[in-house]
Amino acid sequence: MAVIEATPENFDQLVQTEYAMVDFYGDHCGACVFTAPFYRQAADEMAFVKFIKVNTSAYPELGKRFDVVGLPTFLYFCDGKESFRSTGGMDLKGIREQLSHLLYPSHKGDDKHGPNSAE
């Protein structure tokens, strides 16, 4: 499945799905550029997850709406509700590991903000 570019107009509709991973990225972000090909590869491999990208350079209001302060930031949605988030560039293995927290939440307990939350 292809990666879908979100806008303020279509974002809410796009995340109304069983599983979605949203990549908030910027035009001049090195870690975002590093992660992009792995994100596309994961989208091709995992059709049961909707992969969405938000360009915060073009749509800063979406970044503000979700309190995105570092790039890239990944938000994970289950049935339209944010379940956790992570920040920082990832390779394919890292994306798969993060998605395992979305797909199998009972393995990580009740930590709403996932493995990269503030301690």
Protein backbone atom coordinates (compact mmCIF):
# COMPACT_ATOMS: atom_id res chain seq x y z
CA MET A 1 0.00 0.00 0.00
CA ALA A 2 1.24 3.47 -0.77
CA VAL A 3 2.03 6.12 1.81
CA ILE A 4 -0.76 8.71 1.91
CA GLU A 5 -0.02 12.43 2.27
CA ALA A 6 -2.37 14.04 4.78
CA THR A 7 -3.70 17.58 4.80
CA PRO A 8 -5.72 19.41 7.44
CA GLU A 9 -8.80 18.63 5.36
CA ASN A 10 -8.37 14.84 5.17
CA PHE A 11 -6.35 13.95 8.30
CA ASP A 12 -9.24 13.01 10.60
CA GLN A 13 -10.82 10.82 7.93
CA LEU A 14 -7.52 9.05 7.17
CA VAL A 15 -6.90 7.96 10.76
CA GLN A 16 -10.42 6.50 11.10
CA THR A 17 -9.13 3.01 10.42
CA GLU A 18 -8.19 -0.01 12.48
CA TYR A 19 -4.45 0.75 12.46
CA ALA A 20 -2.59 3.84 11.28
CA MET A 21 0.96 5.11 11.65
CA VAL A 22 1.45 8.83 10.98
CA ASP A 23 4.87 10.30 10.17
CA PHE A 24 5.13 14.00 11.00
CA TYR A 25 8.15 15.18 9.02
CA GLY A 26 9.78 18.38 7.79
CA ASP A 27 11.36 19.42 4.50
CA HIS A 28 14.79 20.08 6.05
CA CYS A 29 14.97 17.21 8.55
CA GLY A 30 17.87 14.80 8.06
CA ALA A 31 16.37 12.04 10.22
CA CYS A 32 13.14 12.37 8.22
CA VAL A 33 15.01 11.88 4.94
CA PHE A 34 16.82 8.86 6.43
CA THR A 35 13.54 7.26 7.57
CA ALA A 36 11.46 7.92 4.42
CA PRO A 37 12.57 4.90 2.31
CA PHE A 38 12.09 2.52 5.26
CA TYR A 39 8.64 3.99 5.88
CA ARG A 40 7.69 3.39 2.23
CA GLN A 41 9.05 -0.16 2.41
CA ALA A 42 7.02 -0.89 5.56
CA ALA A 43 3.90 0.47 3.84
CA ASP A 44 4.49 -1.90 0.92
CA GLU A 45 4.90 -4.87 3.29
CA MET A 46 2.04 -4.19 5.72
CA ALA A 47 -1.21 -3.53 3.89
CA PHE A 48 -3.22 -3.92 7.12
CA VAL A 49 -1.72 -0.67 8.51
CA LYS A 50 -2.47 2.70 6.91
CA PHE A 51 0.77 4.69 6.53
CA ILE A 52 0.24 8.45 6.53
CA LYS A 53 2.69 11.36 6.24
CA VAL A 54 2.19 14.94 7.38
CA ASN A 55 4.56 17.59 6.06
CA THR A 56 4.84 20.00 8.99
CA SER A 57 6.61 22.52 6.75
CA ALA A 58 3.48 22.73 4.60
CA TYR A 59 0.91 22.11 7.37
CA PRO A 60 2.36 23.43 10.65
CA GLU A 61 -1.15 23.59 12.14
CA LEU A 62 -1.32 19.77 12.17
CA GLY A 63 1.98 19.59 14.03
CA LYS A 64 0.71 22.12 16.57
CA ARG A 65 -2.61 20.31 16.94
CA PHE A 66 -0.78 17.13 17.99
CA ASP A 67 1.95 18.85 20.04
CA VAL A 68 4.72 17.71 17.71
CA VAL A 69 7.94 19.33 18.92
CA GLY A 70 10.64 17.15 17.33
CA LEU A 71 10.94 15.60 13.90
CA PRO A 72 10.23 13.02 12.86
CA THR A 73 7.43 12.22 15.27
CA PHE A 74 5.30 9.15 14.72
CA LEU A 75 1.77 8.90 16.05
CA TYR A 76 0.08 5.52 16.18
CA PHE A 77 -3.70 5.29 15.91
CA CYS A 78 -6.03 2.41 16.67
CA ASP A 79 -9.65 2.84 15.57
CA GLY A 80 -9.13 6.59 15.14
CA LYS A 81 -7.64 7.21 18.58
CA GLU A 82 -3.99 7.95 19.28
CA SER A 83 -2.53 5.04 21.24
CA PHE A 84 1.09 6.21 21.57
CA ARG A 85 3.87 8.16 19.86
CA SER A 86 7.59 7.96 19.25
CA THR A 87 10.20 10.46 18.09
CA GLY A 88 13.36 10.08 16.03
CA GLY A 89 14.52 8.49 12.82
CA MET A 90 14.08 4.75 12.35
CA ASP A 91 15.17 2.03 9.99
CA LEU A 92 12.84 -0.77 8.88
CA LYS A 93 13.56 -2.85 11.99
CA GLY A 94 12.70 0.10 14.22
CA ILE A 95 9.43 0.72 12.37
CA ARG A 96 8.49 -2.94 12.74
CA GLU A 97 9.27 -2.84 16.47
CA GLN A 98 7.15 0.26 16.99
CA LEU A 99 4.28 -1.23 15.02
CA SER A 100 4.39 -4.32 17.22
CA HIS A 101 3.38 -2.05 20.14
CA LEU A 102 0.37 -0.89 18.11
CA LEU A 103 -0.66 -4.33 16.90
CA TYR A 104 0.01 -6.19 20.16
CA PRO A 105 -0.51 -3.63 22.95
CA SER A 106 -0.93 -6.22 25.71
CA HIS A 107 2.77 -7.03 25.42
CA LYS A 108 3.70 -3.58 26.72
CA GLY A 109 1.20 -3.15 29.53
CA ASP A 110 -0.87 -0.02 29.95
CA ASP A 111 1.77 2.54 28.89
CA LYS A 112 -0.40 4.87 26.80
CA HIS A 113 2.52 6.76 25.35
CA GLY A 114 4.65 3.83 24.28
CA PRO A 115 8.27 2.95 24.79
CA ASN A 116 9.69 6.42 24.04
CA SER A 117 7.62 8.36 26.55
CA ALA A 118 9.31 10.66 29.03
CA GLU A 119 10.58 8.89 32.10
